[in-house]
Each structure stands twice: as C-alpha cells, then as structure tokens.
Amino acid sequence: EWRESFETQKSDDEPELNAQNKIPPPYRTVLEISFKTPNGFRQFLVFVKRDVLSKLANTQYLVINLLEAPFLAFLLAYIIKYYNVNVGNELGYTLSENSNLPVFIFMSVIVALFIGLTVSAEEIIKDRKILKREKFLNLSWSSYLFSKIAVQFSLSAIQAFLFVIIGNSIMEIRGMYFEYWLVMFSAWCAANIMGLVISDSFKTVITIYILIPFLIIPQLILSGIIVKFEKLNPKISNPKNIPIYGEIITARWAYEALAVYQYKENKYEEQFYGYDKAMSISDFKKNYWIRTLNNKVAFIERNFDNAERVEELKQNLEVLRNEIRKELDSESGRIVKFEYLDHLYFDKINEEAIQALKNYFDILNKYYIKLYNKANGLKDKAISSLQKTPEDRENFMRMKQRYYNDNLSELLRNSNEINRIIEYKGELYQKIDPVFLDPHNKFIKAHFYAPRKQFLGNYYDTFWVNTIVIWVMTIILFFILRYRLLRKLLDYFEEKQFKR
C-alpha cells in the first residue's frame, strides 16, 4: 500500500521535476545567472550610460549647466564692452580701444576654472552609497573614473564652446575661436579633475563647497595679473623667474597662452611682429643695456686701483662677465667678438682689458643701431605696401582697429614700467617688452609673457607649450585621483589625530 502510494506521488511530481529540462535551449541560457565580472570597457560603457541617464533625468542640472556658461559669457562680455562715447568718436566700438580686453581674457579663464570645479565637485561623493553597495562586485575603479571623466569632459567641451562663441562674438575678437576654445577647454578639464579629487577625498558636501573658494582665490592672486609676480614679497619672489607657486597655477598658464597669442597672432600684429621684436631688442640693448655696462666700465676705470672700492669693483666685474658671456652666446656673438673675458676679474683687470671693453661696447652699439634701422625700414616698407591707395589706407586702419588692442599691447610690453633694467645677483634683467624677449632657460621656465619657450634646446610658441603644460597638470591630478593619494593622506592624518 505504501509502495503504491509512493509510486503514484512520484509519477505526479515528474512533470514539475522535468520542467527545467523541457525549456527550449535558447531560452534556458537566459535564466542562468552569471557572476563573472564584465571587462573594464563594458563596465565603462555601463557607468557612462548610467551617469548620462541620471543627468538627463535631472532637468534642473541640465538647465543650469547648459545655460551657466553662455549666460556668464554674455554678462561678462556685454558689461566690459567699452568704447568712447565722445561725440568725436564716429566709429563706435572697436576692439583696439576696448581697454578691458585683458580683463575679459583673465575672467574667462577664472569662469572656466570655477564652473569646471563646481560641476564635478559632487560627482563622486553623491555616488558614495552606490559604490559602497556595489563594492562586493569588484568593479573597476578605473572604469568608473574614466566614465566620470568622459561625461565631464564632454560637458566641458560644450560649455567652453558656448562661452567662446558668445563671449568672443560680443567682444568682436575675430578669427581666434578655436584657440580660445582649446585653452578654455583645457582649463575646464583641469578644474574637472581637481573637482573629482576633492569629491573623492572629503566626506561631506559642505566641506567640499567650503574648500572651493580656497582653490579659486589663489588662482586670482597668484596668476600674475592682479598682482605682478615681481611686485610680490621679495622673500617669496624674484625678478629673474616666475616663482614656483606661480608655476602650479592653472590660471597663469591659460591666461598667458591667450594673452600672448592674442597679441602676436592677431591679423594686424602678425605682419609686423618680427620687425617689432628686432627693434625692441636693439632699442633695449643700445639705450639701456650697453649704457648700464658702460657706466660700470667707467667706474672700474676710475677705481680699479682704489682699495676702498674692492667689493664694488668685484660686483661690477661679475656683472660684466655674466652679461658679456650671455651676449657672446646670442646672435650678435657671431659677429662681434670679445677676447678679454678671462681678464674681467679683480686680480686680472688692467688698462688693456678696460680699453677692450670700451671698443667692444662701441662696436656692439653700432651693430644694434644698424639692426634697429634695418628692421624699422623693413617695417615702414611693409606698411607702405599696404597703404598704396586711399582705400588701402582705410582698410589698413580698419584692420588695426578690429584686431589690435592698445591696452593689451601696453600690458604685454610693460611700457609703463619705470625701471626698465634692473641688476639682481650679478646679472641685468630686462623689464620692458617681455613679449619680445626670448628666455634663456632650456626647460620651459621663462619670464611672464614670453613669446616662446625652450624645451630640449628648441623654441616652441608659448600658446602650445602652455596648453600642453595644463594637460600635464591635469594628468598629474588624474594620478592623484586614480590612486586616491589625497584621500589616503587625509585618512592618515585623521588616524594619527584619533590615536592621540
């Protein structure tokens, strides 16, 4: 009886037990659960899709981030679009007379940094609960970061494009849309990564937004625009180079790139920059540099037997040695030689060496006078060729009004500087026309507004060097983010304080 009951129950249960086997093979695999972690690229795509969908679902986020950049561009450009309202001004607005162009360039960079920082500052901290919940899946941290960066950089590209199109159009900055966009986009991206670093490193949103002003304010103060680098405390600056804290300020690299490019490569100045540079170098050498060194030669001639002036003599001889050595390495050194460099020491100086110095500077002065006159003549010839007819003259003047800016020229040439040459630690330094002065340092480091910079013995335009430097800084910030170095440092100090 029990056997019959068991057999009956078994036969009734068989359809249920065999149900799985009766599922067609194509559909059976759908029901199987796989715990295999997808590869990094597939995770990246999933993270991007999730991030994009969450942003598209947030209407307020989209409206603010898509309208913020064009609104600030319009506000900034429209407010500072200055022109002379005197009745004698028949032209109305022209770029050449807008004294606020340097302000527009600088504030554009600050806007890029500010928006880029604030947009990304919450990106990781708002996902913290999701990341904690998904931790057991062993998902790729790199894939997650690259997804965030891809979305942020895409948004930054759009924001930079809208800002440049609107801002440059209102200010009537012609023909430089791509260059402005590239530098602005680079600054935006650097700020994005900086925002992701603090978003990952700090524990509360309040802390992050308190920190943002501490990141932006140094960009304002230490960028060399509001306060010149040489006007800062001499204990933390020098007239020779940009101080180290200025080298890590993104705003400085971005502003310098745009300012120098705007001055050098505008449609008017690009025709005459080579002539202006030769004239600037010649003018400085013959009117300031040679005159200063001749005064030192005269002092040495009067006092080289005076025991009371030994230290002053040594200092003047050191300056002469250093400056002549640099001059012999320059273009003029191929033509004008000096054979008494080894005699410019206190125990070796004599009347023969002093006379050789006089002759050298006299020949060098004639060389620079000739160079100045030649460059000036070529420039006049080029200008004349552009003004053959009254119509040509009108077009030439219109071109200068549309592309050249007087205030930017004044700023980059530092033409208001009283001390045009200074002596510092045994060398002379030019303080005027920095935009015409090539730096001597062979590894990027240079004075502010240098027209080009050296890298491994070759010169490259400041615009491209600065843009690359911004991206190098961005990559460094990425590694800080990837390996969570700032977070680990903060955790270390917190743990150390807790143990106390």
Protein backbone atom coordinates (compact mmCIF):
# COMPACT_ATOMS: atom_id res chain seq x y z
CA GLU A 1 0.00 0.00 0.00
CA TRP A 2 2.79 2.43 0.93
CA ARG A 3 4.65 1.38 -2.22
CA GLU A 4 1.66 2.10 -4.46
CA SER A 5 1.13 5.49 -2.77
CA PHE A 6 4.83 6.39 -3.29
CA GLU A 7 4.80 5.40 -6.97
CA THR A 8 1.66 7.43 -7.58
CA GLN A 9 3.13 10.57 -5.91
CA LYS A 10 6.40 10.15 -7.86
CA SER A 11 4.60 10.00 -11.18
CA ASP A 12 2.62 13.14 -10.29
CA ASP A 13 5.80 15.09 -9.42
CA GLU A 14 7.78 14.11 -12.52
CA PRO A 15 6.35 16.85 -14.79
CA GLU A 16 7.45 19.51 -12.28
CA LEU A 17 10.89 17.96 -11.78
CA ASN A 18 11.44 17.72 -15.52
CA ALA A 19 10.10 21.19 -16.26
CA GLN A 20 13.59 22.65 -16.45
CA ASN A 21 14.63 20.03 -18.99
CA LYS A 22 11.61 20.83 -21.15
CA ILE A 23 12.64 24.51 -21.55
CA PRO A 24 13.98 25.03 -25.06
CA PRO A 25 17.81 25.52 -25.07
CA PRO A 26 17.77 29.10 -26.49
CA TYR A 27 15.68 30.32 -23.56
CA ARG A 28 17.32 28.20 -20.88
CA THR A 29 20.53 30.29 -21.01
CA VAL A 30 18.57 33.44 -20.23
CA LEU A 31 17.55 32.02 -16.88
CA GLU A 32 21.11 31.10 -15.94
CA ILE A 33 22.80 33.63 -13.66
CA SER A 34 26.46 34.51 -14.32
CA PHE A 35 28.61 36.03 -11.58
CA LYS A 36 31.50 36.78 -13.94
CA THR A 37 32.61 40.45 -13.75
CA PRO A 38 32.45 42.22 -17.15
CA ASN A 39 35.70 43.56 -18.59
CA GLY A 40 36.81 47.13 -17.97
CA PHE A 41 35.49 48.54 -21.22
CA ARG A 42 32.00 47.07 -20.75
CA GLN A 43 31.95 48.45 -17.21
CA PHE A 44 32.99 51.84 -18.61
CA LEU A 45 30.06 51.80 -21.05
CA VAL A 46 27.60 50.83 -18.32
CA PHE A 47 28.92 53.54 -15.99
CA VAL A 48 28.69 56.16 -18.78
CA LYS A 49 25.15 55.11 -19.66
CA ARG A 50 24.06 55.23 -16.02
CA ASP A 51 25.67 58.64 -15.46
CA VAL A 52 24.22 60.15 -18.65
CA LEU A 53 20.72 58.83 -17.97
CA SER A 54 20.78 60.16 -14.41
CA LYS A 55 21.82 63.59 -15.69
CA LEU A 56 19.23 63.62 -18.47
CA ALA A 57 16.57 62.81 -15.90
CA ASN A 58 17.64 65.82 -13.82
CA THR A 59 16.13 68.78 -15.68
CA GLN A 60 17.44 71.32 -13.19
CA TYR A 61 21.01 70.02 -13.62
CA LEU A 62 20.77 70.23 -17.41
CA VAL A 63 19.30 73.73 -17.48
CA ILE A 64 21.87 75.16 -15.07
CA ASN A 65 24.91 73.56 -16.68
CA LEU A 66 23.91 74.33 -20.26
CA LEU A 67 22.88 77.93 -19.59
CA GLU A 68 25.50 78.88 -16.98
CA ALA A 69 28.43 79.27 -19.39
CA PRO A 70 26.62 81.25 -22.14
CA PHE A 71 24.92 83.44 -19.53
CA LEU A 72 28.23 84.31 -17.84
CA ALA A 73 29.85 84.87 -21.26
CA PHE A 74 27.10 87.31 -22.23
CA LEU A 75 27.18 89.05 -18.85
CA LEU A 76 30.96 89.42 -18.77
CA ALA A 77 31.42 90.47 -22.41
CA TYR A 78 28.47 92.85 -22.52
CA ILE A 79 29.39 94.65 -19.30
CA ILE A 80 33.03 95.27 -20.25
CA LYS A 81 32.43 96.08 -23.93
CA TYR A 82 33.75 99.62 -23.52
CA TYR A 83 34.03 102.33 -26.15
CA ASN A 84 34.48 106.09 -26.08
CA VAL A 85 31.12 107.89 -26.07
CA ASN A 86 32.63 111.24 -27.05
CA VAL A 87 30.82 112.84 -30.00
CA GLY A 88 34.11 112.84 -31.89
CA ASN A 89 34.12 109.04 -31.98
CA GLU A 90 32.44 108.23 -35.28
CA LEU A 91 33.49 104.58 -35.31
CA GLY A 92 31.66 103.47 -32.19
CA TYR A 93 33.02 100.27 -30.68
CA THR A 94 36.38 98.94 -31.85
CA LEU A 95 38.47 96.20 -30.27
CA SER A 96 41.59 98.37 -30.39
CA GLU A 97 40.16 100.90 -27.92
CA ASN A 98 38.49 98.46 -25.54
CA SER A 99 40.81 98.71 -22.54
CA ASN A 100 39.05 95.77 -20.88
CA LEU A 101 40.27 93.05 -23.24
CA PRO A 102 42.93 91.75 -20.78
CA VAL A 103 40.22 91.65 -18.08
CA PHE A 104 37.95 89.66 -20.38
CA ILE A 105 40.67 87.10 -21.10
CA PHE A 106 41.56 86.68 -17.44
CA MET A 107 37.98 86.49 -16.18
CA SER A 108 37.14 83.97 -18.92
CA VAL A 109 39.84 81.69 -17.54
CA ILE A 110 38.54 82.13 -13.98
CA VAL A 111 34.99 81.32 -15.15
CA ALA A 112 36.30 78.14 -16.80
CA LEU A 113 38.03 77.06 -13.60
CA PHE A 114 35.07 77.94 -11.39
CA ILE A 115 32.43 76.17 -13.48
CA GLY A 116 34.65 73.17 -14.10
CA LEU A 117 35.33 72.82 -10.40
CA THR A 118 31.76 73.25 -9.16
CA VAL A 119 30.24 70.93 -11.77
CA SER A 120 32.47 67.99 -10.81
CA ALA A 121 32.80 68.62 -7.08
CA GLU A 122 29.81 66.41 -6.17
CA GLU A 123 30.23 63.71 -8.80
CA ILE A 124 31.89 61.05 -6.65
CA ILE A 125 30.57 61.92 -3.22
CA LYS A 126 26.95 61.63 -4.40
CA ASP A 127 27.70 58.10 -5.67
CA ARG A 128 29.32 57.01 -2.42
CA LYS A 129 26.37 54.87 -1.26
CA ILE A 130 26.06 53.20 -4.67
CA LEU A 131 29.80 52.50 -4.75
CA LYS A 132 29.63 51.00 -1.26
CA ARG A 133 26.70 48.79 -2.26
CA GLU A 134 28.50 47.60 -5.41
CA LYS A 135 31.84 47.08 -3.72
CA PHE A 136 31.36 43.29 -3.38
CA LEU A 137 31.11 43.02 -7.19
CA ASN A 138 34.79 44.00 -7.51
CA LEU A 139 34.03 46.58 -10.19
CA SER A 140 36.85 48.53 -11.80
CA TRP A 141 37.67 51.85 -10.09
CA SER A 142 39.47 52.99 -13.26
CA SER A 143 36.42 52.28 -15.43
CA TYR A 144 34.27 54.28 -13.04
CA LEU A 145 36.71 57.22 -13.09
CA PHE A 146 37.08 57.19 -16.87
CA SER A 147 33.30 57.22 -17.22
CA LYS A 148 33.07 60.27 -14.96
CA ILE A 149 35.88 61.99 -16.84
CA ALA A 150 34.33 61.22 -20.24
CA VAL A 151 30.99 62.70 -19.23
CA GLN A 152 32.56 65.73 -17.52
CA PHE A 153 34.94 66.47 -20.40
CA SER A 154 32.09 66.20 -22.92
CA LEU A 155 30.03 68.65 -20.90
CA SER A 156 33.06 70.95 -20.54
CA ALA A 157 33.65 70.92 -24.30
CA ILE A 158 30.07 72.10 -24.85
CA GLN A 159 30.29 74.73 -22.11
CA ALA A 160 33.61 76.07 -23.43
CA PHE A 161 32.22 76.19 -26.97
CA LEU A 162 29.14 78.15 -25.90
CA PHE A 163 31.21 80.53 -23.77
CA VAL A 164 33.73 81.29 -26.52
CA ILE A 165 31.14 81.68 -29.28
CA ILE A 166 29.08 84.16 -27.28
CA GLY A 167 31.87 85.99 -25.43
CA ASN A 168 34.21 86.43 -28.40
CA SER A 169 31.35 87.46 -30.69
CA ILE A 170 30.20 90.20 -28.33
CA MET A 171 33.76 91.42 -27.74
CA GLU A 172 34.40 91.15 -31.51
CA ILE A 173 37.52 89.02 -31.12
CA ARG A 174 37.83 87.78 -34.67
CA GLY A 175 39.40 84.65 -36.07
CA MET A 176 40.56 83.01 -32.83
CA TYR A 177 37.59 80.88 -31.83
CA PHE A 178 39.42 77.54 -31.91
CA GLU A 179 42.45 78.80 -29.95
CA TYR A 180 40.26 80.35 -27.26
CA TRP A 181 38.13 77.19 -27.12
CA LEU A 182 41.19 74.93 -26.80
CA VAL A 183 42.70 76.85 -23.88
CA MET A 184 39.35 77.31 -22.17
CA PHE A 185 38.51 73.63 -22.62
CA SER A 186 41.93 72.67 -21.22
CA ALA A 187 41.38 74.85 -18.14
CA TRP A 188 37.84 73.45 -17.77
CA CYS A 189 39.18 69.87 -17.83
CA ALA A 190 41.91 70.62 -15.29
CA ALA A 191 39.24 72.04 -12.99
CA ASN A 192 37.05 68.97 -13.61
CA ILE A 193 39.77 66.62 -12.38
CA MET A 194 40.52 68.89 -9.44
CA GLY A 195 36.82 68.75 -8.52
CA LEU A 196 36.79 64.95 -8.76
CA VAL A 197 39.84 64.77 -6.47
CA ILE A 198 38.17 66.76 -3.71
CA SER A 199 34.87 64.95 -4.31
CA ASP A 200 36.61 61.64 -3.63
CA SER A 201 38.79 62.86 -0.76
CA PHE A 202 36.38 64.68 1.55
CA LYS A 203 33.45 63.22 3.42
CA THR A 204 30.74 65.88 3.21
CA VAL A 205 29.37 68.16 0.51
CA ILE A 206 29.56 71.12 2.90
CA THR A 207 33.31 70.63 3.32
CA ILE A 208 33.77 70.49 -0.44
CA TYR A 209 31.92 73.75 -1.10
CA ILE A 210 33.78 75.47 1.72
CA LEU A 211 37.01 74.34 0.06
CA ILE A 212 36.20 75.67 -3.43
CA PRO A 213 36.97 79.35 -2.62
CA PHE A 214 40.35 78.26 -1.22
CA LEU A 215 41.10 76.71 -4.61
CA ILE A 216 39.84 79.63 -6.71
CA ILE A 217 41.28 82.58 -4.74
CA PRO A 218 44.93 81.52 -5.27
CA GLN A 219 44.15 81.33 -8.99
CA LEU A 220 43.23 85.02 -8.79
CA ILE A 221 46.06 86.26 -6.58
CA LEU A 222 48.98 84.14 -7.78
CA SER A 223 48.33 84.24 -11.52
CA GLY A 224 50.46 87.35 -12.09
CA ILE A 225 47.62 89.50 -13.39
CA ILE A 226 46.05 91.17 -10.36
CA VAL A 227 49.46 91.47 -8.69
CA LYS A 228 52.58 91.19 -10.83
CA PHE A 229 54.98 88.45 -9.78
CA GLU A 230 57.82 90.94 -9.33
CA LYS A 231 55.62 93.08 -7.07
CA LEU A 232 55.08 90.28 -4.55
CA ASN A 233 57.08 89.93 -1.34
CA PRO A 234 60.77 89.70 -2.40
CA LYS A 235 61.26 86.92 0.15
CA ILE A 236 59.00 84.65 -1.90
CA SER A 237 59.66 86.05 -5.39
CA ASN A 238 62.46 87.36 -7.59
CA PRO A 239 62.79 89.45 -10.77
CA LYS A 240 64.52 86.61 -12.60
CA ASN A 241 61.79 83.98 -12.95
CA ILE A 242 58.18 83.26 -12.11
CA PRO A 243 58.17 81.82 -8.55
CA ILE A 244 57.37 78.15 -8.04
CA TYR A 245 53.86 78.84 -6.74
CA GLY A 246 53.13 80.69 -9.97
CA GLU A 247 54.20 77.64 -11.96
CA ILE A 248 51.45 75.46 -10.46
CA ILE A 249 48.63 77.97 -11.04
CA THR A 250 46.47 76.84 -13.96
CA ALA A 251 45.06 80.35 -14.48
CA ARG A 252 48.55 81.71 -15.12
CA TRP A 253 49.29 79.20 -17.91
CA ALA A 254 45.88 79.63 -19.54
CA TYR A 255 45.85 83.45 -19.36
CA GLU A 256 49.42 83.78 -20.61
CA ALA A 257 48.68 81.46 -23.53
CA LEU A 258 45.66 83.50 -24.64
CA ALA A 259 47.18 86.94 -23.98
CA VAL A 260 50.40 86.21 -25.89
CA TYR A 261 48.53 84.54 -28.75
CA GLN A 262 46.05 87.43 -28.97
CA TYR A 263 48.91 89.92 -29.20
CA LYS A 264 51.26 88.01 -31.52
CA GLU A 265 48.88 86.24 -33.86
CA ASN A 266 46.15 88.79 -34.49
CA LYS A 267 45.75 89.66 -38.15
CA TYR A 268 47.42 93.07 -37.74
CA GLU A 269 50.42 92.37 -35.49
CA GLU A 270 51.40 89.06 -37.11
CA GLN A 271 52.58 91.05 -40.14
CA PHE A 272 54.99 93.18 -38.10
CA TYR A 273 55.90 91.09 -35.06
CA GLY A 274 59.31 90.09 -36.43
CA TYR A 275 60.22 93.72 -37.14
CA ASP A 276 58.90 94.91 -33.78
CA LYS A 277 60.89 92.22 -31.99
CA ALA A 278 64.16 93.17 -33.71
CA MET A 279 63.52 96.85 -32.96
CA SER A 280 62.69 96.09 -29.33
CA ILE A 281 65.85 94.04 -28.78
CA SER A 282 68.00 96.68 -30.48
CA ASP A 283 66.42 99.56 -28.60
CA PHE A 284 66.88 97.88 -25.22
CA LYS A 285 70.47 96.89 -25.90
CA LYS A 286 71.68 100.26 -27.16
CA ASN A 287 69.71 102.53 -24.85
CA TYR A 288 69.69 100.60 -21.56
CA TRP A 289 71.93 97.53 -21.51
CA ILE A 290 75.06 98.99 -23.16
CA ARG A 291 74.65 102.28 -21.30
CA THR A 292 74.46 100.47 -17.94
CA LEU A 293 77.53 98.37 -18.69
CA ASN A 294 79.47 101.40 -19.97
CA ASN A 295 78.80 103.09 -16.64
CA LYS A 296 80.30 100.07 -14.89
CA VAL A 297 83.35 100.19 -17.17
CA ALA A 298 83.79 103.88 -16.33
CA PHE A 299 83.53 103.10 -12.60
CA ILE A 300 86.15 100.34 -12.91
CA GLU A 301 88.47 102.64 -14.88
CA ARG A 302 88.25 105.29 -12.17
CA ASN A 303 88.61 102.96 -9.21
CA PHE A 304 90.46 99.76 -10.16
CA ASP A 305 93.43 100.94 -8.01
CA ASN A 306 91.20 102.12 -5.14
CA ALA A 307 91.46 99.67 -2.22
CA GLU A 308 88.31 101.09 -0.60
CA ARG A 309 86.12 100.07 -3.56
CA VAL A 310 87.21 96.44 -3.86
CA GLU A 311 83.77 94.91 -3.27
CA GLU A 312 82.06 97.27 -5.71
CA LEU A 313 84.73 96.53 -8.30
CA LYS A 314 84.22 92.78 -7.89
CA GLN A 315 80.44 93.17 -8.24
CA ASN A 316 80.75 95.27 -11.39
CA LEU A 317 83.23 92.85 -12.92
CA GLU A 318 80.91 89.94 -12.15
CA VAL A 319 78.05 91.71 -13.93
CA LEU A 320 80.27 92.44 -16.94
CA ARG A 321 81.44 88.82 -17.13
CA ASN A 322 77.93 87.39 -16.90
CA GLU A 323 76.37 89.80 -19.37
CA ILE A 324 79.13 89.58 -21.98
CA ARG A 325 79.08 85.78 -21.73
CA LYS A 326 75.33 85.78 -22.48
CA GLU A 327 75.82 88.26 -25.32
CA LEU A 328 78.51 86.12 -26.92
CA ASP A 329 76.03 83.22 -26.96
CA SER A 330 73.42 85.35 -28.75
CA GLU A 331 73.07 86.29 -32.43
CA SER A 332 75.41 89.27 -32.06
CA GLY A 333 78.14 87.00 -30.67
CA ARG A 334 78.65 85.51 -34.13
CA ILE A 335 79.62 88.94 -35.46
CA VAL A 336 81.00 90.97 -32.54
CA LYS A 337 83.73 89.13 -30.59
CA PHE A 338 85.36 89.83 -27.22
CA GLU A 339 88.67 88.17 -26.35
CA TYR A 340 89.23 89.52 -22.84
CA LEU A 341 86.54 87.69 -20.89
CA ASP A 342 89.15 85.94 -18.72
CA HIS A 343 90.59 89.32 -17.72
CA LEU A 344 87.38 90.51 -16.06
CA TYR A 345 88.46 89.58 -12.54
CA PHE A 346 89.72 91.86 -9.80
CA ASP A 347 93.25 90.43 -9.86
CA LYS A 348 93.47 90.39 -13.68
CA ILE A 349 91.80 93.62 -14.80
CA ASN A 350 94.13 96.13 -16.47
CA GLU A 351 94.03 99.14 -18.78
CA GLU A 352 94.25 96.94 -21.87
CA ALA A 353 91.14 94.97 -20.82
CA ILE A 354 89.29 98.19 -19.98
CA GLN A 355 90.07 99.61 -23.43
CA ALA A 356 88.92 96.33 -24.99
CA LEU A 357 85.62 96.68 -23.11
CA LYS A 358 85.14 100.20 -24.45
CA ASN A 359 85.83 99.10 -28.01
CA TYR A 360 83.54 96.08 -27.66
CA PHE A 361 80.58 98.11 -26.45
CA ASP A 362 81.20 100.78 -29.08
CA ILE A 363 81.10 98.19 -31.89
CA LEU A 364 78.10 96.46 -30.29
CA ASN A 365 76.25 99.77 -30.08
CA LYS A 366 76.80 100.38 -33.80
CA TYR A 367 75.62 96.83 -34.52
CA TYR A 368 72.33 97.39 -32.70
CA ILE A 369 71.80 100.82 -34.25
CA LYS A 370 72.20 99.23 -37.68
CA LEU A 371 69.85 96.36 -36.73
CA TYR A 372 67.22 98.79 -35.45
CA ASN A 373 67.36 100.95 -38.56
CA LYS A 374 67.13 97.92 -40.85
CA ALA A 375 64.10 96.48 -39.01
CA ASN A 376 62.44 99.89 -38.88
CA GLY A 377 62.99 100.40 -42.60
CA LEU A 378 61.55 96.99 -43.46
CA LYS A 379 58.51 97.65 -41.28
CA ASP A 380 57.93 101.04 -42.92
CA LYS A 381 58.25 99.39 -46.32
CA ALA A 382 55.71 96.71 -45.35
CA ILE A 383 53.28 99.33 -44.06
CA SER A 384 53.69 101.40 -47.22
CA SER A 385 52.91 98.38 -49.39
CA LEU A 386 49.62 98.01 -47.51
CA GLN A 387 48.66 101.69 -47.99
CA LYS A 388 49.20 102.34 -51.68
CA THR A 389 45.76 103.86 -52.26
CA PRO A 390 43.31 105.76 -50.04
CA GLU A 391 41.15 102.65 -49.99
CA ASP A 392 44.13 100.56 -48.87
CA ARG A 393 44.88 103.06 -46.10
CA GLU A 394 41.31 102.87 -44.89
CA ASN A 395 41.39 99.07 -44.91
CA PHE A 396 44.73 99.09 -43.08
CA MET A 397 43.39 101.35 -40.32
CA ARG A 398 40.21 99.30 -40.09
CA MET A 399 42.29 96.13 -39.72
CA LYS A 400 44.21 97.63 -36.80
CA GLN A 401 41.01 98.80 -35.14
CA ARG A 402 39.43 95.35 -35.48
CA TYR A 403 42.34 93.12 -34.48
CA TYR A 404 44.87 95.09 -32.42
CA ASN A 405 44.33 96.14 -28.80
CA ASP A 406 46.23 99.07 -27.32
CA ASN A 407 45.79 98.10 -23.67
CA LEU A 408 46.89 94.51 -24.22
CA SER A 409 49.96 95.82 -26.05
CA GLU A 410 50.74 98.15 -23.16
CA LEU A 411 50.39 95.28 -20.69
CA LEU A 412 52.49 92.73 -22.59
CA ARG A 413 55.17 95.29 -23.43
CA ASN A 414 55.14 96.63 -19.85
CA SER A 415 55.62 100.07 -21.34
CA ASN A 416 54.65 101.89 -18.13
CA GLU A 417 57.50 100.32 -16.14
CA ILE A 418 59.86 102.99 -14.79
CA ASN A 419 62.78 100.65 -14.03
CA ARG A 420 63.40 99.24 -17.48
CA ILE A 421 66.55 97.38 -16.46
CA ILE A 422 67.48 96.09 -13.02
CA GLU A 423 70.53 94.42 -11.50
CA TYR A 424 69.98 91.29 -9.43
CA LYS A 425 72.59 88.83 -8.14
CA GLY A 426 75.27 89.71 -10.64
CA GLU A 427 73.05 89.93 -13.72
CA LEU A 428 70.97 92.52 -15.57
CA TYR A 429 67.31 91.85 -16.31
CA GLN A 430 65.10 93.47 -18.91
CA LYS A 431 61.74 94.64 -17.52
CA ILE A 432 60.20 96.07 -20.69
CA ASP A 433 58.89 94.29 -23.79
CA PRO A 434 58.70 90.79 -22.25
CA VAL A 435 56.59 89.69 -25.23
CA PHE A 436 59.63 90.25 -27.49
CA LEU A 437 62.21 88.69 -25.17
CA ASP A 438 63.20 85.04 -25.65
CA PRO A 439 64.02 83.20 -22.40
CA HIS A 440 67.45 81.62 -21.82
CA ASN A 441 66.26 78.72 -19.67
CA LYS A 442 66.30 75.49 -21.69
CA PHE A 443 63.40 73.73 -19.98
CA ILE A 444 60.13 75.67 -20.35
CA LYS A 445 60.74 78.00 -17.39
CA ALA A 446 60.58 81.61 -18.54
CA HIS A 447 59.54 85.13 -17.63
CA PHE A 448 55.86 86.10 -17.78
CA TYR A 449 54.54 86.86 -21.29
CA ALA A 450 57.50 85.19 -23.02
CA PRO A 451 56.66 84.81 -26.75
CA ARG A 452 58.09 81.30 -26.89
CA LYS A 453 59.79 78.83 -24.58
CA GLN A 454 62.65 76.40 -24.84
CA PHE A 455 62.34 72.65 -24.49
CA LEU A 456 65.39 70.45 -25.03
CA GLY A 457 67.16 73.22 -26.94
CA ASN A 458 64.32 74.11 -29.31
CA TYR A 459 61.89 77.02 -29.12
CA TYR A 460 58.13 76.47 -29.21
CA ASP A 461 55.30 79.00 -29.17
CA THR A 462 54.03 79.89 -25.72
CA PHE A 463 50.46 79.06 -26.75
CA TRP A 464 51.24 75.39 -27.40
CA VAL A 465 53.70 74.99 -24.53
CA ASN A 466 51.24 76.40 -22.01
CA THR A 467 48.38 74.29 -23.33
CA ILE A 468 50.48 71.14 -23.03
CA VAL A 469 51.56 72.13 -19.50
CA ILE A 470 47.89 72.45 -18.47
CA TRP A 471 47.25 68.93 -19.75
CA VAL A 472 50.34 67.60 -17.94
CA MET A 473 48.99 69.13 -14.73
CA THR A 474 45.62 67.51 -15.49
CA ILE A 475 47.28 64.10 -15.90
CA ILE A 476 49.11 64.55 -12.58
CA LEU A 477 45.80 65.35 -10.90
CA PHE A 478 44.32 62.24 -12.51
CA PHE A 479 47.00 60.03 -10.95
CA ILE A 480 46.31 61.66 -7.58
CA LEU A 481 42.67 60.75 -8.14
CA ARG A 482 43.31 57.26 -9.53
CA TYR A 483 45.46 56.20 -6.59
CA ARG A 484 43.46 58.30 -4.10
CA LEU A 485 46.62 59.93 -2.77
CA LEU A 486 44.89 62.94 -1.22
CA ARG A 487 42.28 60.73 0.42
CA LYS A 488 44.96 58.44 1.84
CA LEU A 489 46.87 61.44 3.16
CA LEU A 490 43.76 62.85 4.86
CA ASP A 491 42.92 59.43 6.31
CA TYR A 492 46.48 59.13 7.63
CA PHE A 493 46.31 62.47 9.45
CA GLU A 494 42.84 61.67 10.76
CA GLU A 495 44.00 58.32 12.08
CA LYS A 496 47.08 59.88 13.63
CA GLN A 497 44.97 62.53 15.35
CA PHE A 498 42.49 59.88 16.57
CA LYS A 499 45.29 57.87 18.21
CA ARG A 500 46.28 60.91 20.25
